[in-house]
C-alpha atoms as a PDB file:
ATOM      1  CA  MET A   1     -49.242 144.428  55.724  1.00  0.00           C
ATOM      2  CA  PRO A   2     -50.524 147.250  57.955  1.00  0.00           C
ATOM      3  CA  ALA A   3     -52.203 150.089  56.140  1.00  0.00           C
ATOM      4  CA  ASP A   4     -50.012 152.552  58.069  1.00  0.00           C
ATOM      5  CA  TYR A   5     -47.056 151.646  55.870  1.00  0.00           C
ATOM      6  CA  SER A   6     -48.846 151.790  52.513  1.00  0.00           C
ATOM      7  CA  LEU A   7     -47.426 155.176  51.501  1.00  0.00           C
ATOM      8  CA  ILE A   8     -45.662 155.980  48.228  1.00  0.00           C
ATOM      9  CA  SER A   9     -44.763 158.764  45.883  1.00  0.00           C
ATOM     10  CA  LEU A  10     -44.786 157.754  42.215  1.00  0.00           C
ATOM     11  CA  GLN A  11     -44.010 161.250  40.947  1.00  0.00           C
ATOM     12  CA  GLY A  12     -41.259 161.380  38.361  1.00  0.00           C
ATOM     13  CA  LEU A  13     -40.953 157.615  37.838  1.00  0.00           C
ATOM     14  CA  ALA A  14     -41.117 156.032  34.384  1.00  0.00           C
ATOM     15  CA  LYS A  15     -44.398 154.377  33.473  1.00  0.00           C
ATOM     16  CA  PRO A  16     -43.116 150.754  33.619  1.00  0.00           C
ATOM     17  CA  VAL A  17     -41.681 151.433  37.087  1.00  0.00           C
ATOM     18  CA  THR A  18     -44.899 152.943  38.434  1.00  0.00           C
ATOM     19  CA  THR A  19     -46.833 150.029  36.959  1.00  0.00           C
ATOM     20  CA  PHE A  20     -44.374 147.630  38.594  1.00  0.00           C
ATOM     21  CA  ILE A  21     -44.781 149.242  42.030  1.00  0.00           C
ATOM     22  CA  GLU A  22     -48.548 149.321  41.698  1.00  0.00           C
ATOM     23  CA  LYS A  23     -48.489 145.655  40.717  1.00  0.00           C
ATOM     24  CA  ILE A  24     -46.457 144.764  43.806  1.00  0.00           C
ATOM     25  CA  SER A  25     -48.848 146.788  45.943  1.00  0.00           C
ATOM     26  CA  GLY A  26     -51.855 145.011  44.526  1.00  0.00           C
ATOM     27  CA  ALA A  27     -50.318 141.593  45.108  1.00  0.00           C
ATOM     28  CA  ILE A  28     -48.976 141.987  48.652  1.00  0.00           C
ATOM     29  CA  GLY A  29     -50.824 145.033  49.988  1.00  0.00           C
ATOM     30  CA  THR A  30     -47.899 147.396  50.574  1.00  0.00           C
ATOM     31  CA  LEU A  31     -45.742 149.878  48.737  1.00  0.00           C
ATOM     32  CA  TYR A  32     -42.395 151.325  49.622  1.00  0.00           C
ATOM     33  CA  ALA A  33     -42.133 155.060  50.252  1.00  0.00           C
ATOM     34  CA  PRO A  34     -39.263 157.518  50.249  1.00  0.00           C
ATOM     35  CA  THR A  35     -37.184 156.925  53.375  1.00  0.00           C
ATOM     36  CA  HIS A  36     -38.122 160.150  55.182  1.00  0.00           C
ATOM     37  CA  THR A  37     -41.832 159.722  54.560  1.00  0.00           C
ATOM     38  CA  ARG A  38     -41.698 156.085  55.561  1.00  0.00           C
ATOM     39  CA  GLU A  39     -39.856 156.727  58.822  1.00  0.00           C
ATOM     40  CA  MET A  40     -42.299 159.482  59.778  1.00  0.00           C
ATOM     41  CA  ALA A  41     -45.208 157.147  59.095  1.00  0.00           C
ATOM     42  CA  ARG A  42     -43.650 154.427  61.216  1.00  0.00           C
ATOM     43  CA  ALA A  43     -42.996 156.839  64.090  1.00  0.00           C
ATOM     44  CA  GLU A  44     -46.604 158.020  64.001  1.00  0.00           C
ATOM     45  CA  ALA A  45     -47.890 154.459  63.776  1.00  0.00           C
ATOM     46  CA  ASP A  46     -45.736 153.340  66.714  1.00  0.00           C
ATOM     47  CA  ALA A  47     -46.931 156.283  68.771  1.00  0.00           C
ATOM     48  CA  GLU A  48     -50.573 155.433  68.070  1.00  0.00           C
ATOM     49  CA  ARG A  49     -50.003 151.799  68.986  1.00  0.00           C
ATOM     50  CA  THR A  50     -48.274 152.810  72.209  1.00  0.00           C
ATOM     51  CA  LYS A  51     -51.285 154.915  73.158  1.00  0.00           C
ATOM     52  CA  ALA A  52     -53.603 152.031  72.303  1.00  0.00           C
ATOM     53  CA  LEU A  53     -51.585 149.644  74.447  1.00  0.00           C
ATOM     54  CA  SER A  54     -51.721 152.066  77.355  1.00  0.00           C
ATOM     55  CA  ARG A  55     -55.473 152.515  77.035  1.00  0.00           C
ATOM     56  CA  LEU A  56     -56.018 148.790  77.043  1.00  0.00           C
ATOM     57  CA  ALA A  57     -53.745 148.381  80.071  1.00  0.00           C
ATOM     58  CA  VAL A  58     -52.385 145.132  78.682  1.00  0.00           C
ATOM     59  CA  SER A  59     -50.085 142.970  80.737  1.00  0.00           C
ATOM     60  CA  GLU A  60     -46.308 143.294  80.446  1.00  0.00           C
ATOM     61  CA  LEU A  61     -46.137 139.926  78.673  1.00  0.00           C
ATOM     62  CA  GLU A  62     -48.772 140.943  76.138  1.00  0.00           C
ATOM     63  CA  GLU A  63     -47.019 144.253  75.572  1.00  0.00           C
ATOM     64  CA  ARG A  64     -43.696 142.508  74.911  1.00  0.00           C
ATOM     65  CA  ALA A  65     -45.420 140.116  72.517  1.00  0.00           C
ATOM     66  CA  ALA A  66     -47.058 143.000  70.678  1.00  0.00           C
ATOM     67  CA  LYS A  67     -43.745 144.850  70.474  1.00  0.00           C
ATOM     68  CA  ARG A  68     -41.992 141.761  69.114  1.00  0.00           C
ATOM     69  CA  MET A  69     -44.645 141.335  66.446  1.00  0.00           C
ATOM     70  CA  LEU A  70     -44.347 144.991  65.453  1.00  0.00           C
ATOM     71  CA  GLU A  71     -40.567 144.765  65.249  1.00  0.00           C
ATOM     72  CA  GLU A  72     -40.750 141.594  63.170  1.00  0.00           C
ATOM     73  CA  GLU A  73     -43.281 143.146  60.805  1.00  0.00           C
ATOM     74  CA  SER A  74     -41.155 146.282  60.501  1.00  0.00           C
ATOM     75  CA  ARG A  75     -38.051 144.207  59.731  1.00  0.00           C
ATOM     76  CA  ARG A  76     -39.894 142.220  57.096  1.00  0.00           C
ATOM     77  CA  LEU A  77     -41.246 145.368  55.496  1.00  0.00           C
ATOM     78  CA  THR A  78     -37.737 146.816  55.372  1.00  0.00           C
ATOM     79  CA  ASN A  79     -36.537 143.671  53.565  1.00  0.00           C
ATOM     80  CA  ILE A  80     -39.436 143.753  51.114  1.00  0.00           C
ATOM     81  CA  GLU A  81     -38.852 147.408  50.348  1.00  0.00           C
ATOM     82  CA  ALA A  82     -35.113 146.930  49.852  1.00  0.00           C
ATOM     83  CA  ILE A  83     -35.691 144.108  47.370  1.00  0.00           C
ATOM     84  CA  THR A  84     -38.446 146.016  45.566  1.00  0.00           C
ATOM     85  CA  ALA A  85     -36.353 149.190  45.372  1.00  0.00           C
ATOM     86  CA  GLN A  86     -33.425 147.303  43.827  1.00  0.00           C
ATOM     87  CA  ALA A  87     -35.729 145.572  41.365  1.00  0.00           C
ATOM     88  CA  ALA A  88     -37.367 148.867  40.357  1.00  0.00           C
ATOM     89  CA  ARG A  89     -33.990 150.180  39.175  1.00  0.00           C
ATOM     90  CA  GLN A  90     -33.700 147.200  36.817  1.00  0.00           C
ATOM     91  CA  ILE A  91     -37.054 147.570  35.038  1.00  0.00           C
ATOM     92  CA  ASP A  92     -36.720 147.873  31.262  1.00  0.00           C
ATOM     93  CA  ASP A  93     -38.443 150.652  29.332  1.00  0.00           C
ATOM     94  CA  ASN A  94     -40.485 148.072  27.408  1.00  0.00           C
ATOM     95  CA  ALA A  95     -41.356 145.941  30.457  1.00  0.00           C
ATOM     96  CA  GLU A  96     -44.938 144.819  31.024  1.00  0.00           C
ATOM     97  CA  PRO A  97     -45.099 144.226  34.791  1.00  0.00           C
ATOM     98  CA  GLU A  98     -48.891 144.292  34.663  1.00  0.00           C
ATOM     99  CA  ARG A  99     -48.668 140.774  33.206  1.00  0.00           C
ATOM    100  CA  MET A 100     -46.977 139.416  36.315  1.00  0.00           C
ATOM    101  CA  ASP A 101     -48.958 136.779  38.199  1.00  0.00           C
ATOM    102  CA  ASP A 102     -50.165 137.980  41.612  1.00  0.00           C
ATOM    103  CA  ASP A 103     -49.760 134.546  43.161  1.00  0.00           C
ATOM    104  CA  TRP A 104     -46.185 134.387  41.870  1.00  0.00           C
ATOM    105  CA  ILE A 105     -45.411 137.749  43.483  1.00  0.00           C
ATOM    106  CA  SER A 106     -46.973 136.686  46.788  1.00  0.00           C
ATOM    107  CA  ASN A 107     -44.980 133.457  46.695  1.00  0.00           C
ATOM    108  CA  LEU A 108     -41.727 135.336  46.076  1.00  0.00           C
ATOM    109  CA  PHE A 109     -42.202 137.680  49.034  1.00  0.00           C
ATOM    110  CA  LYS A 110     -43.300 134.813  51.253  1.00  0.00           C
ATOM    111  CA  HIS A 111     -39.835 133.354  50.734  1.00  0.00           C
ATOM    112  CA  CYS A 112     -37.723 136.521  50.831  1.00  0.00           C
ATOM    113  CA  LYS A 113     -39.427 138.686  53.465  1.00  0.00           C
ATOM    114  CA  ASP A 114     -36.983 137.429  56.113  1.00  0.00           C
ATOM    115  CA  VAL A 115     -33.894 137.867  53.912  1.00  0.00           C
ATOM    116  CA  SER A 116     -31.740 140.689  55.285  1.00  0.00           C
ATOM    117  CA  ASP A 117     -28.375 139.703  53.762  1.00  0.00           C
ATOM    118  CA  GLU A 118     -27.582 142.282  51.091  1.00  0.00           C
ATOM    119  CA  GLU A 119     -26.084 139.791  48.639  1.00  0.00           C
ATOM    120  CA  MET A 120     -29.151 137.570  48.827  1.00  0.00           C
ATOM    121  CA  GLN A 121     -31.470 140.574  48.564  1.00  0.00           C
ATOM    122  CA  THR A 122     -29.678 141.449  45.333  1.00  0.00           C
ATOM    123  CA  LEU A 123     -30.335 137.937  44.027  1.00  0.00           C
ATOM    124  CA  TRP A 124     -34.037 138.175  44.883  1.00  0.00           C
ATOM    125  CA  SER A 125     -34.278 141.652  43.318  1.00  0.00           C
ATOM    126  CA  ARG A 126     -32.806 140.355  40.053  1.00  0.00           C
ATOM    127  CA  ILE A 127     -35.371 137.586  39.977  1.00  0.00           C
ATOM    128  CA  LEU A 128     -38.201 140.029  40.654  1.00  0.00           C
ATOM    129  CA  ALA A 129     -36.987 142.458  37.988  1.00  0.00           C
ATOM    130  CA  SER A 130     -36.442 139.694  35.428  1.00  0.00           C
ATOM    131  CA  GLU A 131     -39.972 138.449  35.977  1.00  0.00           C
ATOM    132  CA  ALA A 132     -41.312 141.991  35.558  1.00  0.00           C
ATOM    133  CA  ASN A 133     -39.302 142.467  32.364  1.00  0.00           C
ATOM    134  CA  GLN A 134     -40.343 139.091  30.968  1.00  0.00           C
ATOM    135  CA  PRO A 135     -43.198 137.412  32.858  1.00  0.00           C
ATOM    136  CA  GLY A 136     -42.753 133.656  33.035  1.00  0.00           C
ATOM    137  CA  SER A 137     -38.964 133.795  33.371  1.00  0.00           C
ATOM    138  CA  PHE A 138     -38.941 132.132  36.785  1.00  0.00           C
ATOM    139  CA  SER A 139     -40.984 129.121  37.802  1.00  0.00           C
ATOM    140  CA  ARG A 140     -42.451 128.453  41.223  1.00  0.00           C
ATOM    141  CA  GLN A 141     -40.087 125.497  41.387  1.00  0.00           C
ATOM    142  CA  THR A 142     -37.186 127.945  41.380  1.00  0.00           C
ATOM    143  CA  LEU A 143     -38.797 130.226  43.977  1.00  0.00           C
ATOM    144  CA  ASN A 144     -39.409 127.266  46.271  1.00  0.00           C
ATOM    145  CA  LEU A 145     -35.793 126.126  45.914  1.00  0.00           C
ATOM    146  CA  LEU A 146     -34.155 129.475  46.645  1.00  0.00           C
ATOM    147  CA  PRO A 147     -34.812 129.565  50.419  1.00  0.00           C
ATOM    148  CA  ASN A 148     -32.465 126.559  50.681  1.00  0.00           C
ATOM    149  CA  LEU A 149     -29.573 128.665  49.347  1.00  0.00           C
ATOM    150  CA  ASP A 150     -27.341 130.803  51.520  1.00  0.00           C
ATOM    151  CA  ARG A 151     -24.866 133.362  50.236  1.00  0.00           C
ATOM    152  CA  ASN A 152     -22.038 130.781  50.023  1.00  0.00           C
ATOM    153  CA  ASP A 153     -24.258 128.555  47.892  1.00  0.00           C
ATOM    154  CA  ALA A 154     -25.051 131.526  45.655  1.00  0.00           C
ATOM    155  CA  PHE A 155     -21.353 132.323  45.284  1.00  0.00           C
ATOM    156  CA  ALA A 156     -20.620 128.668  44.466  1.00  0.00           C
ATOM    157  CA  PHE A 157     -23.253 128.680  41.742  1.00  0.00           C
ATOM    158  CA  THR A 158     -21.973 131.968  40.313  1.00  0.00           C
ATOM    159  CA  ASP A 159     -18.479 130.472  40.190  1.00  0.00           C
ATOM    160  CA  LEU A 160     -19.847 127.491  38.267  1.00  0.00           C
ATOM    161  CA  CYS A 161     -21.397 129.869  35.740  1.00  0.00           C
ATOM    162  CA  THR A 162     -17.865 130.951  34.803  1.00  0.00           C
ATOM    163  CA  PHE A 163     -17.836 127.807  32.654  1.00  0.00           C
ATOM    164  CA  VAL A 164     -21.092 128.452  30.790  1.00  0.00           C
ATOM    165  CA  TRP A 165     -21.248 128.630  26.996  1.00  0.00           C
ATOM    166  CA  LYS A 166     -24.237 129.497  24.838  1.00  0.00           C
ATOM    167  CA  ASP A 167     -25.284 128.200  21.460  1.00  0.00           C
ATOM    168  CA  ILE A 168     -27.046 130.144  18.700  1.00  0.00           C
ATOM    169  CA  GLY A 169     -30.386 129.547  20.398  1.00  0.00           C
ATOM    170  CA  ASP A 170     -29.065 130.929  23.730  1.00  0.00           C
ATOM    171  CA  SER A 171     -29.166 127.506  25.377  1.00  0.00           C
ATOM    172  CA  MET A 172     -26.791 127.599  28.345  1.00  0.00           C
ATOM    173  CA  LEU A 173     -24.200 124.837  28.562  1.00  0.00           C
ATOM    174  CA  PRO A 174     -21.911 124.533  31.591  1.00  0.00           C
ATOM    175  CA  ILE A 175     -19.066 122.732  29.832  1.00  0.00           C
ATOM    176  CA  ILE A 176     -16.856 120.896  32.329  1.00  0.00           C
ATOM    177  CA  LEU A 177     -15.267 117.960  30.551  1.00  0.00           C
ATOM    178  CA  ASN A 178     -13.308 116.753  33.578  1.00  0.00           C
ATOM    179  CA  ALA A 179     -13.956 118.231  37.023  1.00  0.00           C
ATOM    180  CA  GLU A 180     -10.560 116.982  38.209  1.00  0.00           C
ATOM    181  CA  ASP A 181      -8.675 119.363  35.879  1.00  0.00           C
ATOM    182  CA  SER A 182      -6.975 122.138  37.848  1.00  0.00           C
ATOM    183  CA  VAL A 183      -8.709 124.855  35.800  1.00  0.00           C
ATOM    184  CA  PHE A 184     -11.952 123.934  37.600  1.00  0.00           C
ATOM    185  CA  ARG A 185     -10.603 124.259  41.139  1.00  0.00           C
ATOM    186  CA  ASN A 186     -12.814 127.320  41.688  1.00  0.00           C
ATOM    187  CA  GLY A 187     -16.445 126.564  40.965  1.00  0.00           C
ATOM    188  CA  GLY A 188     -16.177 123.444  38.833  1.00  0.00           C
ATOM    189  CA  ASN A 189     -14.461 121.106  41.271  1.00  0.00           C
ATOM    190  CA  PHE A 190     -15.982 117.815  42.389  1.00  0.00           C
ATOM    191  CA  THR A 191     -16.993 119.034  45.865  1.00  0.00           C
ATOM    192  CA  ASN A 192     -18.754 122.100  44.496  1.00  0.00           C
ATOM    193  CA  LEU A 193     -20.598 120.089  41.860  1.00  0.00           C
ATOM    194  CA  LEU A 194     -21.912 117.642  44.444  1.00  0.00           C
ATOM    195  CA  LEU A 195     -23.142 120.550  46.570  1.00  0.00           C
ATOM    196  CA  LEU A 196     -24.955 122.193  43.662  1.00  0.00           C
ATOM    197  CA  GLN A 197     -26.484 118.870  42.653  1.00  0.00           C
ATOM    198  CA  GLU A 198     -27.754 118.369  46.208  1.00  0.00           C
ATOM    199  CA  LEU A 199     -29.302 121.852  46.067  1.00  0.00           C
ATOM    200  CA  GLY A 200     -31.142 120.918  42.873  1.00  0.00           C
ATOM    201  CA  LEU A 201     -29.360 123.343  40.535  1.00  0.00           C
ATOM    202  CA  ILE A 202     -27.456 120.846  38.376  1.00  0.00           C
ATOM    203  CA  THR A 203     -27.178 117.193  37.539  1.00  0.00           C
ATOM    204  CA  TYR A 204     -23.673 115.744  37.570  1.00  0.00           C
ATOM    205  CA  SER A 205     -22.496 112.613  35.764  1.00  0.00           C
ATOM    206  CA  THR A 206     -18.928 111.337  35.510  1.00  0.00           C
ATOM    207  CA  SER A 207     -19.864 109.637  32.221  1.00  0.00           C
ATOM    208  CA  GLY A 208     -20.822 113.010  30.758  1.00  0.00           C
ATOM    209  CA  TYR A 209     -23.443 114.366  28.353  1.00  0.00           C
ATOM    210  CA  ARG A 210     -23.417 114.954  24.600  1.00  0.00           C
ATOM    211  CA  ARG A 211     -25.141 117.087  21.960  1.00  0.00           C
ATOM    212  CA  TYR A 212     -26.224 115.137  18.888  1.00  0.00           C
ATOM    213  CA  ASN A 213     -27.293 115.836  15.295  1.00  0.00           C
ATOM    214  CA  LEU A 214     -25.293 119.029  14.971  1.00  0.00           C
ATOM    215  CA  SER A 215     -24.424 120.863  11.779  1.00  0.00           C
ATOM    216  CA  ASP A 216     -21.030 120.611  10.096  1.00  0.00           C
ATOM    217  CA  ASN A 217     -20.135 123.948  11.684  1.00  0.00           C
ATOM    218  CA  PHE A 218     -21.343 124.350  15.252  1.00  0.00           C
ATOM    219  CA  MET A 219     -20.983 127.739  16.909  1.00  0.00           C
ATOM    220  CA  LEU A 220     -20.684 128.386  20.628  1.00  0.00           C
ATOM    221  CA  PHE A 221     -20.225 131.641  22.506  1.00  0.00           C
ATOM    222  CA  TYR A 222     -18.111 132.200  25.595  1.00  0.00           C
ATOM    223  CA  TYR A 223     -19.565 135.466  26.825  1.00  0.00           C
ATOM    224  CA  ASP A 224     -19.424 137.476  23.574  1.00  0.00           C
ATOM    225  CA  GLN A 225     -16.573 135.498  21.968  1.00  0.00           C
ATOM    226  CA  PRO A 226     -17.825 133.163  19.230  1.00  0.00           C
ATOM    227  CA  VAL A 227     -15.995 129.919  18.562  1.00  0.00           C
ATOM    228  CA  LEU A 228     -16.736 127.791  15.508  1.00  0.00           C
ATOM    229  CA  LEU A 229     -16.234 124.024  15.785  1.00  0.00           C
ATOM    230  CA  ASP A 230     -15.659 122.004  12.616  1.00  0.00           C
ATOM    231  CA  LEU A 231     -17.610 118.729  12.664  1.00  0.00           C
ATOM    232  CA  LYS A 232     -17.419 117.939   8.958  1.00  0.00           C
ATOM    233  CA  ALA A 233     -14.999 115.081   9.541  1.00  0.00           C
ATOM    234  CA  LYS A 234     -17.090 113.676  12.405  1.00  0.00           C
ATOM    235  CA  GLU A 235     -19.366 110.847  11.343  1.00  0.00           C
ATOM    236  CA  LYS A 236     -21.871 111.311  14.206  1.00  0.00           C
ATOM    237  CA  LYS A 237     -21.880 115.137  14.238  1.00  0.00           C
ATOM    238  CA  GLU A 238     -21.802 115.306  18.028  1.00  0.00           C
ATOM    239  CA  ILE A 239     -19.733 116.878  20.785  1.00  0.00           C
ATOM    240  CA  SER A 240     -19.294 116.253  24.475  1.00  0.00           C
ATOM    241  CA  THR A 241     -20.862 118.956  26.639  1.00  0.00           C
ATOM    242  CA  GLY A 242     -19.180 117.688  29.774  1.00  0.00           C
ATOM    243  CA  GLN A 243     -20.275 116.307  33.111  1.00  0.00           C
ATOM    244  CA  VAL A 244     -22.825 118.939  34.125  1.00  0.00           C
ATOM    245  CA  LEU A 245     -26.327 119.923  33.060  1.00  0.00           C
ATOM    246  CA  PHE A 246     -28.506 122.637  34.543  1.00  0.00           C
ATOM    247  CA  THR A 247     -31.843 121.709  36.048  1.00  0.00           C
ATOM    248  CA  ARG A 248     -34.737 124.061  35.319  1.00  0.00           C
ATOM    249  CA  PRO A 249     -34.001 126.200  38.409  1.00  0.00           C
ATOM    250  CA  GLY A 250     -30.324 126.169  37.463  1.00  0.00           C
ATOM    251  CA  ARG A 251     -31.072 127.409  33.933  1.00  0.00           C
ATOM    252  CA  GLU A 252     -33.300 130.165  35.248  1.00  0.00           C
ATOM    253  CA  LEU A 253     -30.823 131.333  37.880  1.00  0.00           C
ATOM    254  CA  ALA A 254     -27.865 131.201  35.495  1.00  0.00           C
ATOM    255  CA  LYS A 255     -29.504 133.961  33.444  1.00  0.00           C
ATOM    256  CA  ILE A 256     -29.162 136.467  36.280  1.00  0.00           C
ATOM    257  CA  CYS A 257     -25.704 135.511  37.542  1.00  0.00           C
ATOM    258  CA  ASN A 258     -22.827 137.852  36.798  1.00  0.00           C
ATOM    259  CA  PRO A 259     -19.717 135.661  36.717  1.00  0.00           C
ATOM    260  CA  SER A 260     -16.388 136.853  35.385  1.00  0.00           C
ATOM    261  CA  PRO A 261     -14.897 135.112  32.339  1.00  0.00           C
ATOM    262  CA  SER A 262     -11.774 133.022  32.778  1.00  0.00           C
ATOM    263  CA  SER A 263      -9.118 133.323  30.087  1.00  0.00           C
ATOM    264  CA  ALA A 264      -7.395 130.215  31.482  1.00  0.00           C
ATOM    265  CA  TYR A 265     -10.587 128.184  31.097  1.00  0.00           C
ATOM    266  CA  PHE A 266     -11.241 129.562  27.605  1.00  0.00           C
ATOM    267  CA  GLU A 267      -7.764 128.599  26.422  1.00  0.00           C
ATOM    268  CA  HIS A 268      -8.197 125.205  28.128  1.00  0.00           C
ATOM    269  CA  MET A 269     -11.320 124.505  26.052  1.00  0.00           C
ATOM    270  CA  ILE A 270      -9.715 125.715  22.825  1.00  0.00           C
ATOM    271  CA  SER A 271      -6.819 123.303  23.408  1.00  0.00           C
ATOM    272  CA  LEU A 272      -9.112 120.373  24.203  1.00  0.00           C
ATOM    273  CA  TRP A 273     -11.251 120.924  21.111  1.00  0.00           C
ATOM    274  CA  ALA A 274      -8.114 121.179  18.971  1.00  0.00           C
ATOM    275  CA  GLU A 275      -6.909 117.845  20.383  1.00  0.00           C
ATOM    276  CA  GLN A 276     -10.290 116.336  19.483  1.00  0.00           C
ATOM    277  CA  GLY A 277      -9.867 117.427  15.853  1.00  0.00           C
ATOM    278  CA  LEU A 278     -12.633 120.044  15.996  1.00  0.00           C
ATOM    279  CA  ASN A 279     -10.392 122.820  14.651  1.00  0.00           C
ATOM    280  CA  PRO A 280     -11.842 125.576  16.893  1.00  0.00           C
ATOM    281  CA  GLN A 281     -11.843 128.989  15.222  1.00  0.00           C
ATOM    282  CA  ARG A 282     -12.161 132.216  17.217  1.00  0.00           C
ATOM    283  CA  LEU A 283     -14.294 134.514  15.113  1.00  0.00           C
ATOM    284  CA  ALA A 284     -13.718 138.251  15.108  1.00  0.00           C
ATOM    285  CA  THR A 285     -17.360 139.200  15.186  1.00  0.00           C
ATOM    286  CA  SER A 286     -19.399 139.023  18.382  1.00  0.00           C
ATOM    287  CA  ARG A 287     -23.054 139.145  19.263  1.00  0.00           C
ATOM    288  CA  SER A 288     -24.576 142.540  20.047  1.00  0.00           C
END
């Protein structure tokens, strides 16, 4: 990135945030500045380049090419700064962004520098912030997959995450026992599942998946609502987890999605488990 744009004021920012911004600067060679300062710097830089172009008496074609390159670089910088600014607001007080891998950061911005859609910028900012808060949260495999997603794909995946449960160990289970049930028409339907499988976010099997060797009482959480399943009468101590599993990128992305819970789906699962003899109990206490 041009040195002209490497301006920033860190005054008044919390230590983890300043460390985060400095880390980004060290990895990609630029920092975002307050809007007024940044625009002044760009105006001065453009003026200097215009003078240089005039002195060199370049041809009209060369001048247009230079202008296009400057505009493209400016647009990319605007995207990078927007994503970084959003991520900076999500940095935890106990974050250790200095532990972030420089190559990982460079790889992320290589993929998202041309992303101008606000919804997708928000997705990238969450990934960047999550990695700063807990380095190692997102693999390069996930970063390399994301450019294949557009905003409709992201919405489809978020809709799927409506059907995610967690176990005690925070393993994420998208439980869709039958994609043809009407409760899955938004997000868990057959067409959507095939799309997300093609994108590499899930694996889908009509025969389904199972969890084995469970305890007599197996607890799952739907958002913060715990449900206890009674497996004492089950010889094999197993349950069906449905037709969908997350891939590694799917697991990583599911952590930053913000789906809304579905009461219809929750009641649907309670009824199914009751029919299976699992005696589902809704516990009053919830996880903090």
